[in-house]
Amino acid sequence: GRLILAAGTLYGAINNLLAKGWIAAAGSDERKKEYVITQSGKDTLEKELNRLEELVKNGKVILRSE
């Protein structure tokens, strides 16, 4: 319930992830498509998680100093 995506937004995001090589098609049938994260996607995710962890750490430092 925290995020609601319209179909066009979701398909746009999937196409963007495919274009960047962060996911790859894993198969499909008549009703659904499946994707897997690539090594490039995992590397990018790790960098993003590190960036977010640093933001949280910096935020906590700021809160403690007030």
C-alpha atoms as a PDB file:
ATOM      1  CA  GLY A   1       0.000   0.000   0.000  1.00  0.00           C
ATOM      2  CA  ARG A   2       2.984   2.365   0.148  1.00  0.00           C
ATOM      3  CA  LEU A   3       3.393   2.589  -3.614  1.00  0.00           C
ATOM      4  CA  ILE A   4       0.865   2.466  -6.399  1.00  0.00           C
ATOM      5  CA  LEU A   5       2.194   2.275  -9.961  1.00  0.00           C
ATOM      6  CA  ALA A   6       0.177   2.682 -13.119  1.00  0.00           C
ATOM      7  CA  ALA A   7       0.825   0.046 -15.781  1.00  0.00           C
ATOM      8  CA  GLY A   8       2.612   2.553 -18.018  1.00  0.00           C
ATOM      9  CA  THR A   9       4.924   3.582 -15.192  1.00  0.00           C
ATOM     10  CA  LEU A  10       5.764  -0.014 -14.385  1.00  0.00           C
ATOM     11  CA  TYR A  11       6.425  -0.962 -18.013  1.00  0.00           C
ATOM     12  CA  GLY A  12       8.550   2.155 -18.446  1.00  0.00           C
ATOM     13  CA  ALA A  13      10.622   1.217 -15.406  1.00  0.00           C
ATOM     14  CA  ILE A  14      11.067  -2.351 -16.659  1.00  0.00           C
ATOM     15  CA  ASN A  15      12.170  -1.089 -20.081  1.00  0.00           C
ATOM     16  CA  ASN A  16      14.639   1.273 -18.414  1.00  0.00           C
ATOM     17  CA  LEU A  17      16.107  -1.534 -16.280  1.00  0.00           C
ATOM     18  CA  LEU A  18      16.387  -3.737 -19.381  1.00  0.00           C
ATOM     19  CA  ALA A  19      18.082  -0.951 -21.383  1.00  0.00           C
ATOM     20  CA  LYS A  20      20.631  -0.431 -18.598  1.00  0.00           C
ATOM     21  CA  GLY A  21      21.311  -4.159 -18.430  1.00  0.00           C
ATOM     22  CA  TRP A  22      20.281  -4.366 -14.777  1.00  0.00           C
ATOM     23  CA  ILE A  23      17.659  -7.054 -15.440  1.00  0.00           C
ATOM     24  CA  ALA A  24      17.188  -9.646 -18.167  1.00  0.00           C
ATOM     25  CA  ALA A  25      14.177 -11.532 -19.428  1.00  0.00           C
ATOM     26  CA  ALA A  26      13.944 -14.940 -17.786  1.00  0.00           C
ATOM     27  CA  GLY A  27      10.971 -16.280 -19.672  1.00  0.00           C
ATOM     28  CA  SER A  28       7.340 -15.651 -20.332  1.00  0.00           C
ATOM     29  CA  ASP A  29       4.065 -17.280 -21.054  1.00  0.00           C
ATOM     30  CA  GLU A  30       0.832 -15.871 -22.410  1.00  0.00           C
ATOM     31  CA  ARG A  31      -0.031 -14.116 -19.144  1.00  0.00           C
ATOM     32  CA  LYS A  32       3.222 -12.988 -17.573  1.00  0.00           C
ATOM     33  CA  LYS A  33       6.849 -12.119 -18.170  1.00  0.00           C
ATOM     34  CA  GLU A  34       9.617 -12.862 -15.705  1.00  0.00           C
ATOM     35  CA  TYR A  35      12.917 -11.090 -15.192  1.00  0.00           C
ATOM     36  CA  VAL A  36      16.107 -11.760 -13.238  1.00  0.00           C
ATOM     37  CA  ILE A  37      18.617  -9.313 -11.868  1.00  0.00           C
ATOM     38  CA  THR A  38      21.937  -9.338 -13.724  1.00  0.00           C
ATOM     39  CA  GLN A  39      25.393  -9.046 -12.183  1.00  0.00           C
ATOM     40  CA  SER A  40      25.472  -5.434 -13.342  1.00  0.00           C
ATOM     41  CA  GLY A  41      22.138  -4.917 -11.587  1.00  0.00           C
ATOM     42  CA  LYS A  42      23.486  -6.481  -8.401  1.00  0.00           C
ATOM     43  CA  ASP A  43      26.599  -4.289  -8.540  1.00  0.00           C
ATOM     44  CA  THR A  44      24.471  -1.186  -9.044  1.00  0.00           C
ATOM     45  CA  LEU A  45      22.129  -2.215  -6.227  1.00  0.00           C
ATOM     46  CA  GLU A  46      25.064  -2.695  -3.874  1.00  0.00           C
ATOM     47  CA  LYS A  47      26.389   0.788  -4.679  1.00  0.00           C
ATOM     48  CA  GLU A  48      22.942   2.309  -4.156  1.00  0.00           C
ATOM     49  CA  LEU A  49      22.498   0.517  -0.828  1.00  0.00           C
ATOM     50  CA  ASN A  50      25.888   1.818   0.314  1.00  0.00           C
ATOM     51  CA  ARG A  51      24.867   5.352  -0.729  1.00  0.00           C
ATOM     52  CA  LEU A  52      21.589   5.109   1.174  1.00  0.00           C
ATOM     53  CA  GLU A  53      23.290   3.670   4.259  1.00  0.00           C
ATOM     54  CA  GLU A  54      25.668   6.633   4.247  1.00  0.00           C
ATOM     55  CA  LEU A  55      22.723   9.046   4.036  1.00  0.00           C
ATOM     56  CA  VAL A  56      21.070   7.349   7.021  1.00  0.00           C
ATOM     57  CA  LYS A  57      24.339   7.435   8.965  1.00  0.00           C
ATOM     58  CA  ASN A  58      24.781  11.144   8.227  1.00  0.00           C
ATOM     59  CA  GLY A  59      21.178  11.826   9.226  1.00  0.00           C
ATOM     60  CA  LYS A  60      21.674  10.074  12.552  1.00  0.00           C
ATOM     61  CA  VAL A  61      24.813  12.142  13.213  1.00  0.00           C
ATOM     62  CA  ILE A  62      22.874  15.326  12.535  1.00  0.00           C
ATOM     63  CA  LEU A  63      20.044  14.297  14.874  1.00  0.00           C
ATOM     64  CA  ARG A  64      22.470  13.451  17.677  1.00  0.00           C
ATOM     65  CA  SER A  65      24.263  16.804  17.364  1.00  0.00           C
ATOM     66  CA  GLU A  66      21.108  18.884  17.900  1.00  0.00           C
END
